[in-house]
Protein backbone atom coordinates (compact mmCIF):
# COMPACT_ATOMS: atom_id res chain seq x y z
CA MET A 1 72.58 131.70 58.16
CA ARG A 2 75.77 129.73 58.74
CA LEU A 3 77.72 132.99 58.91
CA LEU A 4 75.45 134.20 61.69
CA ASN A 5 75.71 130.88 63.53
CA THR A 6 79.48 130.76 63.14
CA TYR A 7 80.37 134.33 64.07
CA GLY A 8 77.41 135.55 66.11
CA ALA A 9 75.15 138.55 65.74
CA ALA A 10 77.61 141.09 67.18
CA LYS A 11 80.36 140.38 64.67
CA MET A 12 77.88 140.21 61.82
CA GLN A 13 76.41 143.59 62.80
CA SER A 14 79.89 145.04 63.06
CA GLN A 15 80.93 143.71 59.65
CA TRP A 16 77.68 144.62 57.85
CA PRO A 17 75.89 147.25 60.00
CA ASP A 18 72.96 147.95 57.70
CA GLU A 19 70.89 146.27 55.02
CA GLU A 20 72.68 148.17 52.24
CA SER A 21 76.14 146.87 53.14
CA LEU A 22 74.76 143.34 53.47
CA SER A 23 73.10 143.71 50.06
CA LEU A 24 76.38 144.88 48.54
CA ALA A 25 78.20 141.87 50.00
CA ARG A 26 75.54 139.55 48.58
CA ARG A 27 75.89 141.19 45.18
CA GLU A 28 79.68 140.95 45.32
CA PHE A 29 79.93 137.28 46.29
CA GLY A 30 76.58 135.82 45.20
CA ARG A 31 77.73 134.49 41.83
CA GLN A 32 80.76 132.77 43.31
CA ILE A 33 78.77 131.18 46.12
CA ALA A 34 75.92 130.06 43.83
CA LYS A 35 78.32 127.73 41.98
CA TYR A 36 78.44 125.38 44.96
CA SER A 37 75.92 123.00 46.44
CA ARG A 38 74.55 123.26 49.97
CA ASP A 39 76.61 120.22 50.99
CA GLU A 40 79.84 121.79 49.72
CA ILE A 41 79.06 125.02 51.56
CA ASN A 42 78.19 123.07 54.73
CA ASP A 43 81.49 121.16 54.54
CA THR A 44 83.31 124.46 54.09
CA PHE A 45 81.78 125.91 57.23
CA ASP A 46 82.91 122.78 59.07
CA LEU A 47 86.42 123.67 57.87
CA VAL A 48 85.89 127.26 59.06
CA HIS A 49 85.16 125.93 62.56
CA LYS A 50 88.27 123.75 62.35
CA GLU A 51 90.41 126.72 61.30
CA LYS A 52 88.99 128.83 64.15
CA ARG A 53 89.75 126.05 66.66
CA SER A 54 93.32 125.74 65.38
CA GLY A 55 93.91 129.43 66.03
CA ASN A 56 93.86 130.76 62.47
CA THR A 57 93.31 134.49 63.02
CA ARG A 58 92.02 134.92 59.48
CA PHE A 59 88.74 133.37 60.63
CA GLU A 60 88.17 135.43 63.79
CA TRP A 61 85.86 137.78 61.86
CA PRO A 62 83.50 137.07 58.97
CA ASP A 63 85.68 137.06 55.85
CA ILE A 64 83.85 135.81 52.79
CA ASP A 65 87.04 135.80 50.70
CA ALA A 66 88.75 133.49 53.19
CA ILE A 67 85.72 131.19 53.33
CA ILE A 68 85.54 131.00 49.53
CA GLY A 69 89.27 130.29 49.60
CA LEU A 70 88.57 127.26 51.79
CA LEU A 71 85.78 126.20 49.45
CA THR A 72 88.00 126.41 46.38
CA ASN A 73 91.09 125.25 48.30
CA GLU A 74 92.95 128.47 47.49
CA GLY A 75 95.12 130.42 49.85
CA VAL A 76 94.44 128.61 53.12
CA PHE A 77 96.27 125.51 54.24
CA THR A 78 94.14 122.82 55.78
CA GLY A 79 94.85 119.47 57.31
CA SER A 80 98.35 118.36 58.20
CA ALA A 81 99.94 120.61 55.58
CA GLY A 82 99.42 123.80 57.49
CA THR A 83 96.69 124.00 60.08
CA LEU A 84 99.01 123.43 63.01
CA ALA A 85 102.30 124.28 61.29
CA HIS A 86 102.60 127.40 63.43
CA LYS A 87 102.94 125.38 66.63
CA ILE A 88 106.27 125.43 68.45
CA TYR A 89 108.55 122.53 67.56
CA LYS A 90 108.82 120.03 70.40
CA PRO A 91 111.44 117.35 69.68
CA GLU A 92 110.47 115.42 72.82
CA ASN A 93 107.26 114.33 71.10
CA LEU A 94 109.13 112.74 68.18
CA LEU A 95 111.10 110.14 70.10
CA GLU A 96 110.05 107.47 72.51
CA TYR A 97 109.80 108.13 76.22
CA GLY A 98 112.91 108.32 78.36
CA THR A 99 115.28 110.79 79.85
CA LYS A 100 116.82 113.56 77.81
CA ALA A 101 120.13 111.66 77.69
CA GLU A 102 118.42 108.47 76.45
CA ARG A 103 116.55 110.38 73.75
CA ARG A 104 119.78 112.09 72.74
CA ALA A 105 121.57 108.74 72.43
CA LYS A 106 118.72 107.33 70.30
CA GLY A 107 118.83 110.44 68.10
CA LYS A 108 122.59 110.17 67.60
CA ALA A 109 122.24 106.49 66.73
CA ALA A 110 119.51 107.28 64.19
CA CYS A 111 121.65 110.02 62.65
CA ALA A 112 124.61 107.65 62.43
CA ASP A 113 122.41 105.11 60.65
CA ILE A 114 121.34 107.73 58.15
CA LEU A 115 124.93 108.88 57.55
CA ALA A 116 125.99 105.27 57.04
CA MET A 117 123.72 105.10 54.00
CA PHE A 118 125.85 107.66 52.15
């Protein structure tokens, strides 16, 4: 049910077009999924939504392996460790406000302080 709500009927029909393929998927993953409680599975689908919002292309289509990976914390980075690690580095956001020259001077002073420690 959460798969259908998360990905929509069109993607579900495309992934598993008939009852036989859906039955095979249930047989393949049923034992792994049955190990977890409804609350754990619900929390995992909340993470799936978070991954989709952060632009993780692995979650554009229903991928039970990827979802189980989130559930078991295997193979997919979540949180600050990797969800947005693909974003372009913007050094302007690291320093306080000011002109580029002021930020550069603050950066050089901070680097000099660090070098003075050694």
